[in-house]
C-alpha atoms as a PDB file:
ATOM      1  CA  UNK A   1       8.527  11.130  -3.165  1.00  0.00           C
ATOM      2  CA  UNK A   2       6.005  11.191  -5.022  1.00  0.00           C
ATOM      3  CA  UNK A   3       2.509   9.668  -4.804  1.00  0.00           C
ATOM      4  CA  UNK A   4       1.984   6.551  -6.280  1.00  0.00           C
ATOM      5  CA  UNK A   5      -0.206   6.263  -9.305  1.00  0.00           C
ATOM      6  CA  UNK A   6      -3.292   3.848  -9.721  1.00  0.00           C
ATOM      7  CA  UNK A   7      -0.691   1.550 -11.704  1.00  0.00           C
ATOM      8  CA  UNK A   8       1.598   1.379  -9.238  1.00  0.00           C
ATOM      9  CA  UNK A   9      -0.915   0.506  -6.391  1.00  0.00           C
ATOM     10  CA  UNK A  10      -3.149  -1.713  -8.614  1.00  0.00           C
ATOM     11  CA  UNK A  11       0.565  -3.509  -9.471  1.00  0.00           C
ATOM     12  CA  UNK A  12       1.768  -3.536  -5.492  1.00  0.00           C
ATOM     13  CA  UNK A  13      -1.956  -5.174  -4.653  1.00  0.00           C
ATOM     14  CA  UNK A  14      -1.470  -8.112  -7.091  1.00  0.00           C
ATOM     15  CA  UNK A  15       2.024  -8.527  -6.277  1.00  0.00           C
ATOM     16  CA  UNK A  16       1.096  -8.381  -2.041  1.00  0.00           C
ATOM     17  CA  UNK A  17      -1.868 -11.076  -3.280  1.00  0.00           C
ATOM     18  CA  UNK A  18       0.589 -13.118  -5.087  1.00  0.00           C
ATOM     19  CA  UNK A  19       3.673 -12.441  -6.389  1.00  0.00           C
ATOM     20  CA  UNK A  20       3.939 -14.698  -9.147  1.00  0.00           C
ATOM     21  CA  UNK A  21       1.340 -13.302 -11.501  1.00  0.00           C
ATOM     22  CA  UNK A  22       1.997 -12.178 -14.502  1.00  0.00           C
ATOM     23  CA  UNK A  23      -0.486  -9.794 -16.243  1.00  0.00           C
ATOM     24  CA  UNK A  24      -0.893  -6.546 -18.610  1.00  0.00           C
ATOM     25  CA  UNK A  25      -2.718  -3.396 -17.452  1.00  0.00           C
ATOM     26  CA  UNK A  26      -4.090  -0.485 -19.110  1.00  0.00           C
ATOM     27  CA  UNK A  27      -3.201   2.913 -17.026  1.00  0.00           C
ATOM     28  CA  UNK A  28      -5.721   3.293 -14.413  1.00  0.00           C
ATOM     29  CA  UNK A  29      -8.312   0.897 -14.605  1.00  0.00           C
ATOM     30  CA  UNK A  30      -8.155  -2.256 -12.868  1.00  0.00           C
ATOM     31  CA  UNK A  31     -11.173  -3.235 -15.347  1.00  0.00           C
ATOM     32  CA  UNK A  32      -8.264  -3.539 -17.940  1.00  0.00           C
ATOM     33  CA  UNK A  33      -6.014  -6.647 -16.378  1.00  0.00           C
ATOM     34  CA  UNK A  34      -4.953  -9.300 -18.531  1.00  0.00           C
ATOM     35  CA  UNK A  35      -3.987 -12.116 -16.816  1.00  0.00           C
ATOM     36  CA  UNK A  36      -1.187 -13.427 -18.933  1.00  0.00           C
ATOM     37  CA  UNK A  37      -0.085 -16.878 -17.181  1.00  0.00           C
ATOM     38  CA  UNK A  38      -3.343 -18.754 -17.685  1.00  0.00           C
ATOM     39  CA  UNK A  39      -4.212 -18.579 -13.801  1.00  0.00           C
ATOM     40  CA  UNK A  40      -7.708 -18.068 -12.114  1.00  0.00           C
ATOM     41  CA  UNK A  41      -7.988 -14.255 -12.360  1.00  0.00           C
ATOM     42  CA  UNK A  42      -7.464 -12.330  -8.989  1.00  0.00           C
ATOM     43  CA  UNK A  43     -11.042 -10.535  -8.297  1.00  0.00           C
ATOM     44  CA  UNK A  44     -11.144  -6.567  -8.864  1.00  0.00           C
ATOM     45  CA  UNK A  45     -12.713  -6.893  -5.137  1.00  0.00           C
ATOM     46  CA  UNK A  46      -9.484  -8.824  -3.899  1.00  0.00           C
ATOM     47  CA  UNK A  47      -7.575  -6.237  -5.505  1.00  0.00           C
ATOM     48  CA  UNK A  48      -9.264  -3.494  -4.000  1.00  0.00           C
ATOM     49  CA  UNK A  49      -9.559  -4.633  -0.530  1.00  0.00           C
ATOM     50  CA  UNK A  50      -5.516  -4.649  -0.790  1.00  0.00           C
ATOM     51  CA  UNK A  51      -5.118  -1.499  -1.577  1.00  0.00           C
ATOM     52  CA  UNK A  52      -7.705   0.269   0.358  1.00  0.00           C
ATOM     53  CA  UNK A  53      -5.139  -2.065   2.878  1.00  0.00           C
ATOM     54  CA  UNK A  54      -2.139  -0.609   2.123  1.00  0.00           C
ATOM     55  CA  UNK A  55      -3.749   3.092   1.997  1.00  0.00           C
ATOM     56  CA  UNK A  56      -4.824   2.481   5.608  1.00  0.00           C
ATOM     57  CA  UNK A  57      -1.122   1.144   6.265  1.00  0.00           C
ATOM     58  CA  UNK A  58       0.196   4.557   4.679  1.00  0.00           C
ATOM     59  CA  UNK A  59      -2.283   6.627   6.965  1.00  0.00           C
ATOM     60  CA  UNK A  60      -0.980   4.968  10.045  1.00  0.00           C
ATOM     61  CA  UNK A  61       2.230   5.835   9.252  1.00  0.00           C
ATOM     62  CA  UNK A  62       1.691   9.331   8.622  1.00  0.00           C
ATOM     63  CA  UNK A  63      -0.325   9.727  11.924  1.00  0.00           C
ATOM     64  CA  UNK A  64       2.258   7.637  13.863  1.00  0.00           C
ATOM     65  CA  UNK A  65       5.099  10.290  12.361  1.00  0.00           C
ATOM     66  CA  UNK A  66       2.824  12.769  13.566  1.00  0.00           C
ATOM     67  CA  UNK A  67       2.478  11.818  16.988  1.00  0.00           C
ATOM     68  CA  UNK A  68       6.057  10.599  17.150  1.00  0.00           C
ATOM     69  CA  UNK A  69       6.882  14.142  16.187  1.00  0.00           C
ATOM     70  CA  UNK A  70       4.883  15.757  19.312  1.00  0.00           C
ATOM     71  CA  UNK A  71       5.936  13.571  21.730  1.00  0.00           C
ATOM     72  CA  UNK A  72       9.593  14.092  20.891  1.00  0.00           C
ATOM     73  CA  UNK A  73       8.688  17.901  21.354  1.00  0.00           C
ATOM     74  CA  UNK A  74       7.200  17.224  25.054  1.00  0.00           C
ATOM     75  CA  UNK A  75       9.535  14.997  26.026  1.00  0.00           C
ATOM     76  CA  UNK A  76       7.471  11.674  25.867  1.00  0.00           C
ATOM     77  CA  UNK A  77       7.749   8.070  25.406  1.00  0.00           C
ATOM     78  CA  UNK A  78       7.029   7.046  21.796  1.00  0.00           C
ATOM     79  CA  UNK A  79       5.451   4.262  20.657  1.00  0.00           C
ATOM     80  CA  UNK A  80       7.296   1.494  18.348  1.00  0.00           C
ATOM     81  CA  UNK A  81       5.097   2.160  15.521  1.00  0.00           C
ATOM     82  CA  UNK A  82       6.269   5.714  16.256  1.00  0.00           C
ATOM     83  CA  UNK A  83      10.151   5.055  16.284  1.00  0.00           C
ATOM     84  CA  UNK A  84       9.728   3.080  13.376  1.00  0.00           C
ATOM     85  CA  UNK A  85       7.798   5.759  11.391  1.00  0.00           C
ATOM     86  CA  UNK A  86       9.970   8.773  12.297  1.00  0.00           C
ATOM     87  CA  UNK A  87      13.297   6.654  12.181  1.00  0.00           C
ATOM     88  CA  UNK A  88      12.712   3.618   9.598  1.00  0.00           C
END
């Protein structure tokens, strides 16, 4: 699985904030968002905060997966997050 592009992250953040929004985005530039739906723009700060939230959640999944693997190898019980990270 490849890493998401900047455009993917921006688009994911916008959809997480408001899935009805219509916009146009120039490659990798959050300042180039053109809102096409006539609604008030979502602030760059809100988009960046949602990107950071998604990045933190992704990092936690990696941590949970590594922890879960180690626990499986040592015979320890897994947390729900570790189970989800390992087995979906």
